C-alpha atoms as a PDB file:
ATOM      1  CA  MET A   1       2.294  19.494 -19.409  1.00  0.00           C
ATOM      2  CA  ALA A   2       3.467  16.168 -20.758  1.00  0.00           C
ATOM      3  CA  GLN A   3       5.076  15.795 -24.223  1.00  0.00           C
ATOM      4  CA  LYS A   4       3.223  13.231 -27.479  1.00  0.00           C
ATOM      5  CA  LYS A   5       4.975  10.417 -27.916  1.00  0.00           C
ATOM      6  CA  GLY A   6       3.137   8.184 -30.529  1.00  0.00           C
ATOM      7  CA  GLY A   7      -0.143  10.139 -30.619  1.00  0.00           C
ATOM      8  CA  ARG A   8       0.076  10.324 -26.684  1.00  0.00           C
ATOM      9  CA  LEU A   9       1.392  12.145 -24.206  1.00  0.00           C
ATOM     10  CA  VAL A  10       4.092  10.497 -21.496  1.00  0.00           C
ATOM     11  CA  TYR A  11       6.403  12.046 -19.141  1.00  0.00           C
ATOM     12  CA  ASP A  12       9.954  11.673 -18.993  1.00  0.00           C
ATOM     13  CA  ILE A  13      10.312   8.858 -15.860  1.00  0.00           C
ATOM     14  CA  LYS A  14      13.682   8.513 -13.658  1.00  0.00           C
ATOM     15  CA  ASN A  15      12.449   5.972 -11.042  1.00  0.00           C
ATOM     16  CA  ILE A  16      10.268   3.643 -12.575  1.00  0.00           C
ATOM     17  CA  GLU A  17       8.854   2.466  -8.482  1.00  0.00           C
ATOM     18  CA  THR A  18       8.032   6.332  -7.837  1.00  0.00           C
ATOM     19  CA  LEU A  19       5.453   6.700 -10.448  1.00  0.00           C
ATOM     20  CA  LYS A  20       4.356   3.379 -10.170  1.00  0.00           C
ATOM     21  CA  SER A  21       3.824   4.280  -6.444  1.00  0.00           C
ATOM     22  CA  ILE A  22       1.839   8.044  -7.432  1.00  0.00           C
ATOM     23  CA  ILE A  23      -0.678   5.487  -9.863  1.00  0.00           C
ATOM     24  CA  PHE A  24      -1.941   3.810  -7.164  1.00  0.00           C
ATOM     25  CA  LEU A  25      -1.692   6.916  -5.133  1.00  0.00           C
ATOM     26  CA  LEU A  26      -3.814   8.951  -7.943  1.00  0.00           C
ATOM     27  CA  ASP A  27      -6.204   5.591  -8.269  1.00  0.00           C
ATOM     28  CA  GLY A  28      -7.326   4.934  -5.031  1.00  0.00           C
ATOM     29  CA  TYR A  29      -8.400   9.007  -4.400  1.00  0.00           C
ATOM     30  CA  ARG A  30     -10.739   8.291  -7.263  1.00  0.00           C
ATOM     31  CA  ILE A  31     -12.862   6.139  -4.849  1.00  0.00           C
ATOM     32  CA  HIS A  32     -11.993   7.698  -1.841  1.00  0.00           C
ATOM     33  CA  HIS A  33      -9.303   6.110  -0.780  1.00  0.00           C
ATOM     34  CA  TYR A  34      -7.268   8.797   0.970  1.00  0.00           C
ATOM     35  CA  GLU A  35      -3.654   8.912   1.375  1.00  0.00           C
ATOM     36  CA  GLU A  36      -0.535  11.267   2.723  1.00  0.00           C
ATOM     37  CA  ILE A  37       1.069  12.552  -0.238  1.00  0.00           C
ATOM     38  CA  GLY A  38       4.289  14.385   1.259  1.00  0.00           C
ATOM     39  CA  TRP A  39       6.615  11.895   0.075  1.00  0.00           C
ATOM     40  CA  VAL A  40       5.173  13.013  -3.576  1.00  0.00           C
ATOM     41  CA  ASP A  41       5.964  16.829  -2.966  1.00  0.00           C
ATOM     42  CA  ARG A  42       9.474  15.207  -2.621  1.00  0.00           C
ATOM     43  CA  ALA A  43       9.984  12.814  -5.161  1.00  0.00           C
ATOM     44  CA  VAL A  44       8.909  15.752  -7.982  1.00  0.00           C
ATOM     45  CA  HIS A  45      11.389  17.621  -5.999  1.00  0.00           C
ATOM     46  CA  ARG A  46      14.025  15.578  -6.198  1.00  0.00           C
ATOM     47  CA  GLY A  47      13.110  14.894 -10.837  1.00  0.00           C
ATOM     48  CA  ASP A  48      11.807  11.634 -10.398  1.00  0.00           C
ATOM     49  CA  MET A  49       9.301  12.278 -12.453  1.00  0.00           C
ATOM     50  CA  GLY A  50      10.744  14.530 -14.816  1.00  0.00           C
ATOM     51  CA  TRP A  51      10.316  18.386 -15.245  1.00  0.00           C
ATOM     52  CA  ARG A  52       7.330  17.361 -17.076  1.00  0.00           C
ATOM     53  CA  PHE A  53       5.146  16.263 -14.197  1.00  0.00           C
ATOM     54  CA  ARG A  54       6.563  18.942 -11.824  1.00  0.00           C
ATOM     55  CA  ASP A  55       4.430  21.801 -14.009  1.00  0.00           C
ATOM     56  CA  ASP A  56       1.437  19.435 -13.939  1.00  0.00           C
ATOM     57  CA  TRP A  57       1.451  18.962 -10.058  1.00  0.00           C
ATOM     58  CA  GLY A  58       0.467  21.886  -8.463  1.00  0.00           C
ATOM     59  CA  GLU A  59      -2.658  21.504 -10.387  1.00  0.00           C
ATOM     60  CA  ILE A  60      -2.856  17.795  -9.251  1.00  0.00           C
ATOM     61  CA  ARG A  61      -2.032  18.082  -5.958  1.00  0.00           C
ATOM     62  CA  GLY A  62      -5.044  20.988  -5.850  1.00  0.00           C
ATOM     63  CA  MET A  63      -7.203  18.676  -6.282  1.00  0.00           C
ATOM     64  CA  LEU A  64      -6.456  16.229  -3.936  1.00  0.00           C
ATOM     65  CA  VAL A  65      -6.380  18.158  -0.727  1.00  0.00           C
ATOM     66  CA  ASP A  66      -9.652  19.962  -2.003  1.00  0.00           C
ATOM     67  CA  MET A  67     -10.717  16.057  -2.575  1.00  0.00           C
ATOM     68  CA  ALA A  68      -9.492  14.876   1.076  1.00  0.00           C
ATOM     69  CA  THR A  69     -10.438  18.011   3.304  1.00  0.00           C
ATOM     70  CA  VAL A  70     -12.214  16.643   5.697  1.00  0.00           C
ATOM     71  CA  PRO A  71     -15.526  18.349   7.335  1.00  0.00           C
ATOM     72  CA  LYS A  72     -15.081  19.689  10.892  1.00  0.00           C
ATOM     73  CA  SER A  73     -18.469  16.806  11.338  1.00  0.00           C
ATOM     74  CA  LEU A  74     -16.121  13.694  10.041  1.00  0.00           C
ATOM     75  CA  LEU A  75     -13.139  15.438  12.280  1.00  0.00           C
ATOM     76  CA  HIS A  76     -13.848  11.781  13.810  1.00  0.00           C
ATOM     77  CA  VAL A  77     -12.411   9.533  11.130  1.00  0.00           C
ATOM     78  CA  MET A  78      -8.858  11.268  11.581  1.00  0.00           C
ATOM     79  CA  LYS A  79      -9.302   9.511  14.648  1.00  0.00           C
ATOM     80  CA  TRP A  80      -9.965   6.602  13.550  1.00  0.00           C
ATOM     81  CA  ALA A  81      -7.517   6.420  11.006  1.00  0.00           C
ATOM     82  CA  ASP A  82      -5.053   7.554  14.379  1.00  0.00           C
ATOM     83  CA  ILE A  83      -6.369   4.486  15.930  1.00  0.00           C
ATOM     84  CA  GLN A  84      -5.908   2.267  13.346  1.00  0.00           C
ATOM     85  CA  ALA A  85      -3.051   2.526  12.581  1.00  0.00           C
ATOM     86  CA  ALA A  86      -1.409   1.959  16.502  1.00  0.00           C
ATOM     87  CA  LEU A  87      -3.755  -1.443  16.265  1.00  0.00           C
ATOM     88  CA  ARG A  88      -1.954  -2.441  12.583  1.00  0.00           C
ATOM     89  CA  LEU A  89       1.323  -1.704  15.226  1.00  0.00           C
ATOM     90  CA  VAL A  90       0.167  -3.837  17.987  1.00  0.00           C
ATOM     91  CA  GLY A  91      -0.612  -6.182  15.591  1.00  0.00           C
ATOM     92  CA  LEU A  92       3.083  -6.009  14.977  1.00  0.00           C
ATOM     93  CA  ILE A  93       4.720  -6.312  18.165  1.00  0.00           C
ATOM     94  CA  MET A  94       2.621  -8.778  19.244  1.00  0.00           C
ATOM     95  CA  SER A  95       3.274 -11.363  16.497  1.00  0.00           C
ATOM     96  CA  THR A  96       7.102 -10.530  16.725  1.00  0.00           C
ATOM     97  CA  ILE A  97       7.175 -11.661  20.385  1.00  0.00           C
ATOM     98  CA  VAL A  98       4.848 -14.375  19.746  1.00  0.00           C
ATOM     99  CA  ILE A  99       7.219 -15.845  16.711  1.00  0.00           C
ATOM    100  CA  LEU A 100      10.247 -14.964  19.439  1.00  0.00           C
ATOM    101  CA  MET A 101       9.167 -17.259  21.900  1.00  0.00           C
ATOM    102  CA  VAL A 102       8.610 -19.652  19.305  1.00  0.00           C
ATOM    103  CA  GLY A 103      11.643 -19.041  18.427  1.00  0.00           C
ATOM    104  CA  ILE A 104      13.785 -19.122  21.544  1.00  0.00           C
ATOM    105  CA  THR A 105      11.914 -22.348  23.166  1.00  0.00           C
ATOM    106  CA  LEU A 106      12.174 -24.551  19.342  1.00  0.00           C
ATOM    107  CA  PHE A 107      16.278 -22.872  20.172  1.00  0.00           C
ATOM    108  CA  PHE A 108      16.363 -24.514  23.552  1.00  0.00           C
ATOM    109  CA  PHE A 109      14.955 -27.545  22.663  1.00  0.00           C
ATOM    110  CA  TRP A 110      16.703 -28.316  20.021  1.00  0.00           C
ATOM    111  CA  GLY A 111      19.672 -27.466  22.485  1.00  0.00           C
ATOM    112  CA  ARG A 112      18.604 -30.222  24.908  1.00  0.00           C
ATOM    113  CA  GLN A 113      17.683 -27.787  27.227  1.00  0.00           C
ATOM    114  CA  PRO A 114      14.305 -29.091  28.920  1.00  0.00           C
ATOM    115  CA  GLY A 115      14.477 -26.904  31.978  1.00  0.00           C
ATOM    116  CA  ASN A 116      15.047 -23.350  30.067  1.00  0.00           C
ATOM    117  CA  VAL A 117      11.548 -25.346  27.839  1.00  0.00           C
ATOM    118  CA  THR A 118      10.209 -26.128  30.993  1.00  0.00           C
ATOM    119  CA  LEU A 119       9.798 -22.128  31.330  1.00  0.00           C
ATOM    120  CA  ILE A 120       9.223 -20.222  28.717  1.00  0.00           C
ATOM    121  CA  THR A 121       6.107 -22.692  27.186  1.00  0.00           C
ATOM    122  CA  THR A 122       4.947 -22.176  30.722  1.00  0.00           C
ATOM    123  CA  ILE A 123       4.822 -18.206  30.446  1.00  0.00           C
ATOM    124  CA  LEU A 124       3.181 -18.852  26.762  1.00  0.00           C
ATOM    125  CA  SER A 125       1.045 -20.641  28.270  1.00  0.00           C
ATOM    126  CA  TYR A 126      -0.159 -17.645  30.363  1.00  0.00           C
ATOM    127  CA  LEU A 127       0.012 -15.497  27.785  1.00  0.00           C
ATOM    128  CA  SER A 128      -1.549 -17.661  24.710  1.00  0.00           C
ATOM    129  CA  VAL A 129      -5.118 -15.909  25.352  1.00  0.00           C
ATOM    130  CA  PRO A 130      -4.041 -12.639  25.885  1.00  0.00           C
ATOM    131  CA  LEU A 131      -2.179 -12.674  23.199  1.00  0.00           C
ATOM    132  CA  ILE A 132      -4.635 -14.280  20.533  1.00  0.00           C
ATOM    133  CA  GLY A 133      -6.473 -12.025  21.613  1.00  0.00           C
ATOM    134  CA  ILE A 134      -4.542  -9.249  21.286  1.00  0.00           C
ATOM    135  CA  LEU A 135      -3.631 -10.098  17.887  1.00  0.00           C
ATOM    136  CA  ILE A 136      -6.996 -11.204  16.408  1.00  0.00           C
ATOM    137  CA  LEU A 137      -7.820  -7.194  17.650  1.00  0.00           C
ATOM    138  CA  SER A 138      -5.323  -5.884  15.608  1.00  0.00           C
ATOM    139  CA  PHE A 139      -6.043  -7.234  12.164  1.00  0.00           C
ATOM    140  CA  ALA A 140      -9.980  -6.895  12.357  1.00  0.00           C
ATOM    141  CA  GLY A 141      -9.712  -4.586  14.146  1.00  0.00           C
ATOM    142  CA  PRO A 142      -8.026  -2.166  11.207  1.00  0.00           C
ATOM    143  CA  LEU A 143     -10.428  -3.905   8.632  1.00  0.00           C
ATOM    144  CA  LEU A 144     -13.195  -3.473  10.611  1.00  0.00           C
ATOM    145  CA  ILE A 145     -12.072   0.635  11.152  1.00  0.00           C
ATOM    146  CA  ALA A 146     -11.155   0.481   7.921  1.00  0.00           C
ATOM    147  CA  ARG A 147     -14.926   0.025   6.198  1.00  0.00           C
ATOM    148  CA  LYS A 148     -16.010   2.221   8.750  1.00  0.00           C
ATOM    149  CA  ILE A 149     -14.534   5.085   7.704  1.00  0.00           C
ATOM    150  CA  ASP A 150     -15.561   4.311   3.937  1.00  0.00           C
ATOM    151  CA  GLY A 151     -19.058   4.344   5.581  1.00  0.00           C
ATOM    152  CA  GLU A 152     -18.907   7.621   6.337  1.00  0.00           C
ATOM    153  CA  LEU A 153     -17.036   9.213   3.012  1.00  0.00           C
ATOM    154  CA  THR A 154     -19.476   7.384   0.981  1.00  0.00           C
ATOM    155  CA  LYS A 155     -22.083   9.295   2.972  1.00  0.00           C
ATOM    156  CA  TYR A 156     -20.284  12.762   2.606  1.00  0.00           C
ATOM    157  CA  ARG A 157     -19.247  11.763  -0.679  1.00  0.00           C
ATOM    158  CA  GLU A 158     -23.269  10.589  -1.763  1.00  0.00           C
ATOM    159  CA  ALA A 159     -24.492  13.976   0.383  1.00  0.00           C
ATOM    160  CA  HIS A 160     -21.772  16.469  -1.741  1.00  0.00           C
ATOM    161  CA  PRO A 161     -21.273  14.511  -5.092  1.00  0.00           C
ATOM    162  CA  GLU A 162     -19.801  17.820  -6.926  1.00  0.00           C
ATOM    163  CA  LYS A 163     -17.310  18.335  -5.121  1.00  0.00           C
ATOM    164  CA  PHE A 164     -15.562  15.035  -6.417  1.00  0.00           C
ATOM    165  CA  THR A 165     -17.551  14.502  -9.662  1.00  0.00           C
ATOM    166  CA  ARG A 166     -16.138  17.327 -10.817  1.00  0.00           C
ATOM    167  CA  TYR A 167     -12.505  16.296 -10.094  1.00  0.00           C
ATOM    168  CA  VAL A 168     -13.068  12.064 -11.162  1.00  0.00           C
ATOM    169  CA  PRO A 169     -12.361  12.389 -15.181  1.00  0.00           C
ATOM    170  CA  ARG A 170      -8.846  14.475 -14.298  1.00  0.00           C
ATOM    171  CA  ILE A 171      -7.427  12.364 -12.277  1.00  0.00           C
ATOM    172  CA  ARG A 172      -8.249   9.385 -13.935  1.00  0.00           C
ATOM    173  CA  GLU A 173      -6.797  11.007 -16.894  1.00  0.00           C
ATOM    174  CA  ALA A 174      -4.034  11.704 -15.274  1.00  0.00           C
ATOM    175  CA  VAL A 175      -3.432   8.091 -14.307  1.00  0.00           C
ATOM    176  CA  GLN A 176      -3.777   7.027 -17.403  1.00  0.00           C
ATOM    177  CA  THR A 177      -0.911   9.728 -18.382  1.00  0.00           C
ATOM    178  CA  LEU A 178       1.022   7.395 -15.749  1.00  0.00           C
ATOM    179  CA  ILE A 179       0.022   4.338 -17.362  1.00  0.00           C
ATOM    180  CA  ASP A 180       1.118   5.587 -20.580  1.00  0.00           C
ATOM    181  CA  SER A 181       4.723   6.193 -19.402  1.00  0.00           C
ATOM    182  CA  LEU A 182       5.233   3.514 -17.077  1.00  0.00           C
ATOM    183  CA  VAL A 183       4.742   1.451 -20.368  1.00  0.00           C
ATOM    184  CA  ASP A 184       6.805   4.266 -22.400  1.00  0.00           C
ATOM    185  CA  ALA A 185      10.183   3.536 -19.609  1.00  0.00           C
ATOM    186  CA  VAL A 186       9.901  -0.555 -19.565  1.00  0.00           C
ATOM    187  CA  LYS A 187       9.954  -0.531 -23.638  1.00  0.00           C
ATOM    188  CA  LYS A 188      13.703   2.411 -22.730  1.00  0.00           C
ATOM    189  CA  GLY A 189      15.313  -0.217 -20.125  1.00  0.00           C
ATOM    190  CA  LYS A 190      14.518   2.138 -17.726  1.00  0.00           C
ATOM    191  CA  GLY A 191      12.744  -0.710 -15.624  1.00  0.00           C
ATOM    192  CA  LYS A 192      15.118  -2.002 -13.102  1.00  0.00           C
ATOM    193  CA  PRO A 193      13.560  -1.692 -10.025  1.00  0.00           C
ATOM    194  CA  VAL A 194      15.020   0.492  -7.053  1.00  0.00           C
ATOM    195  CA  LYS A 195      13.194   0.566  -3.434  1.00  0.00           C
ATOM    196  CA  SER A 196       9.868   1.758  -3.355  1.00  0.00           C
ATOM    197  CA  PRO A 197       9.372   5.474  -1.606  1.00  0.00           C
ATOM    198  CA  LEU A 198       6.949   4.115   0.295  1.00  0.00           C
ATOM    199  CA  GLY A 199       8.433   1.241   1.514  1.00  0.00           C
ATOM    200  CA  PRO A 200       6.121  -2.048   2.858  1.00  0.00           C
ATOM    201  CA  ASP A 201       4.115  -0.959   6.060  1.00  0.00           C
ATOM    202  CA  LEU A 202       4.844  -2.639   8.646  1.00  0.00           C
ATOM    203  CA  ILE A 203       2.403  -5.423   8.253  1.00  0.00           C
ATOM    204  CA  GLU A 204       3.798  -5.792   5.024  1.00  0.00           C
ATOM    205  CA  GLU A 205       7.294  -6.030   6.306  1.00  0.00           C
ATOM    206  CA  ALA A 206       6.769  -8.164   8.943  1.00  0.00           C
ATOM    207  CA  SER A 207       4.928 -10.243   6.405  1.00  0.00           C
ATOM    208  CA  GLY A 208       8.025 -10.448   3.817  1.00  0.00           C
ATOM    209  CA  ILE A 209       9.809 -11.138   6.721  1.00  0.00           C
ATOM    210  CA  TYR A 210       7.902 -13.960   7.864  1.00  0.00           C
ATOM    211  CA  GLU A 211       7.766 -15.771   4.984  1.00  0.00           C
ATOM    212  CA  ASP A 212      11.328 -16.011   4.152  1.00  0.00           C
ATOM    213  CA  VAL A 213      11.774 -17.786   7.279  1.00  0.00           C
ATOM    214  CA  ALA A 214       8.901 -19.802   6.280  1.00  0.00           C
ATOM    215  CA  ASN A 215      10.583 -20.266   3.216  1.00  0.00           C
ATOM    216  CA  ARG A 216      14.218 -20.876   4.627  1.00  0.00           C
ATOM    217  CA  ILE A 217      12.593 -23.431   7.381  1.00  0.00           C
ATOM    218  CA  LEU A 218      11.092 -25.223   4.204  1.00  0.00           C
ATOM    219  CA  ARG A 219      13.098 -24.726   1.712  1.00  0.00           C
ATOM    220  CA  ARG A 220      10.847 -23.643  -0.397  1.00  0.00           C
ATOM    221  CA  ARG A 221      11.978 -21.161  -3.475  1.00  0.00           C
ATOM    222  CA  LYS A 222      11.047 -18.091  -3.446  1.00  0.00           C
ATOM    223  CA  LYS A 223       8.201 -17.048  -6.109  1.00  0.00           C
ATOM    224  CA  GLN A 224       9.476 -15.017  -9.592  1.00  0.00           C
ATOM    225  CA  GLU A 225       8.072 -12.040  -8.903  1.00  0.00           C
ATOM    226  CA  LEU A 226       6.242 -10.233 -12.232  1.00  0.00           C
ATOM    227  CA  LYS A 227       8.905  -7.054 -13.146  1.00  0.00           C
ATOM    228  CA  HIS A 228       6.233  -4.248 -13.733  1.00  0.00           C
ATOM    229  CA  ILE A 229       3.135  -5.152 -11.398  1.00  0.00           C
ATOM    230  CA  PHE A 230       1.899  -2.566 -10.057  1.00  0.00           C
ATOM    231  CA  ASN A 231      -1.749  -1.902  -8.095  1.00  0.00           C
ATOM    232  CA  LEU A 232      -4.754  -0.791  -8.670  1.00  0.00           C
ATOM    233  CA  PHE A 233      -8.185   0.000  -7.779  1.00  0.00           C
ATOM    234  CA  ASN A 234     -10.189   0.505 -11.270  1.00  0.00           C
ATOM    235  CA  THR A 235      -8.974  -1.203 -14.311  1.00  0.00           C
ATOM    236  CA  ASP A 236     -11.206   1.525 -16.677  1.00  0.00           C
ATOM    237  CA  TYR A 237      -8.124   1.866 -18.267  1.00  0.00           C
ATOM    238  CA  THR A 238      -5.945   1.003 -21.230  1.00  0.00           C
ATOM    239  CA  ARG A 239      -2.316  -1.172 -21.847  1.00  0.00           C
ATOM    240  CA  ILE A 240      -2.733  -2.565 -18.517  1.00  0.00           C
ATOM    241  CA  ARG A 241      -3.079  -6.315 -17.687  1.00  0.00           C
ATOM    242  CA  ILE A 242      -4.923  -8.118 -15.203  1.00  0.00           C
ATOM    243  CA  ASP A 243      -2.514 -10.467 -12.621  1.00  0.00           C
ATOM    244  CA  LYS A 244      -4.821 -10.973  -9.497  1.00  0.00           C
ATOM    245  CA  ALA A 245      -7.845  -9.516  -8.641  1.00  0.00           C
ATOM    246  CA  PRO A 246      -8.962  -8.086  -5.046  1.00  0.00           C
ATOM    247  CA  THR A 247      -9.965 -10.524  -2.225  1.00  0.00           C
ATOM    248  CA  ARG A 248     -11.626 -10.075   1.170  1.00  0.00           C
ATOM    249  CA  LEU A 249      -8.563  -9.251   2.653  1.00  0.00           C
ATOM    250  CA  ARG A 250      -6.843  -7.161  -1.073  1.00  0.00           C
ATOM    251  CA  ARG A 251      -9.430  -4.596  -2.308  1.00  0.00           C
ATOM    252  CA  PHE A 252      -7.236  -4.192  -5.455  1.00  0.00           C
ATOM    253  CA  TYR A 253      -6.074  -5.513  -8.447  1.00  0.00           C
ATOM    254  CA  ILE A 254      -2.339  -6.377  -9.607  1.00  0.00           C
ATOM    255  CA  VAL A 255      -1.669  -5.486 -13.114  1.00  0.00           C
ATOM    256  CA  GLU A 256       1.220  -4.803 -15.090  1.00  0.00           C
ATOM    257  CA  PRO A 257       1.933  -2.452 -18.078  1.00  0.00           C
ATOM    258  CA  GLN A 258       1.349  -4.513 -21.532  1.00  0.00           C
ATOM    259  CA  LEU A 259       3.286  -3.855 -23.915  1.00  0.00           C
END
């Protein structure tokens, strides 16, 4: 169990980035945004969340597994998820190829090698149509598949509300306790950022690389990031402040703890 502090239950957190990732994961289960939880097992075993959370994790984990278990009638949803991941990987590979070829073209252009520039532009002219088509498919496809998966899971949830309603209040309570623990950890000065156990996904990583390149070319200063921001799908919690609302491409809120 968590310990009481100032009338609130908090955990003795050791890794603040792990904490923020777990908050996002648990909150997502409230809206049936299911993710792999093996990394949480490893983080808890390492002691990132303190020994008190380890005592509670078994109960929480059981609820998550039960909620994410789908019947045989929904096994096709798993195949869609695999296709979604494959399309994201293809998008990353193709966008990297395009950036690389454009970079090589600029290198030869600035190096006054018109023969090589002509060769590269000829190759790009032949590949432009299929490349554009693949890029559109790899970026739009995962979004459409996500909507399809969400629709299937929503139908199943509405048909079997008893499987989920009993867990949602407990998960919300767990997330609130973790948010309180985050506030407590920040106040204690445990907020030095470390690498998240999840890390960025492939698209986020590529986007960050391209943004850094653009910033260097245009000599723009990188925006200062809030030190303790994290993500939430639901905002019915206390001690949080909303920084950014969801967009068409981003379904979650960007928030920070209210100290």
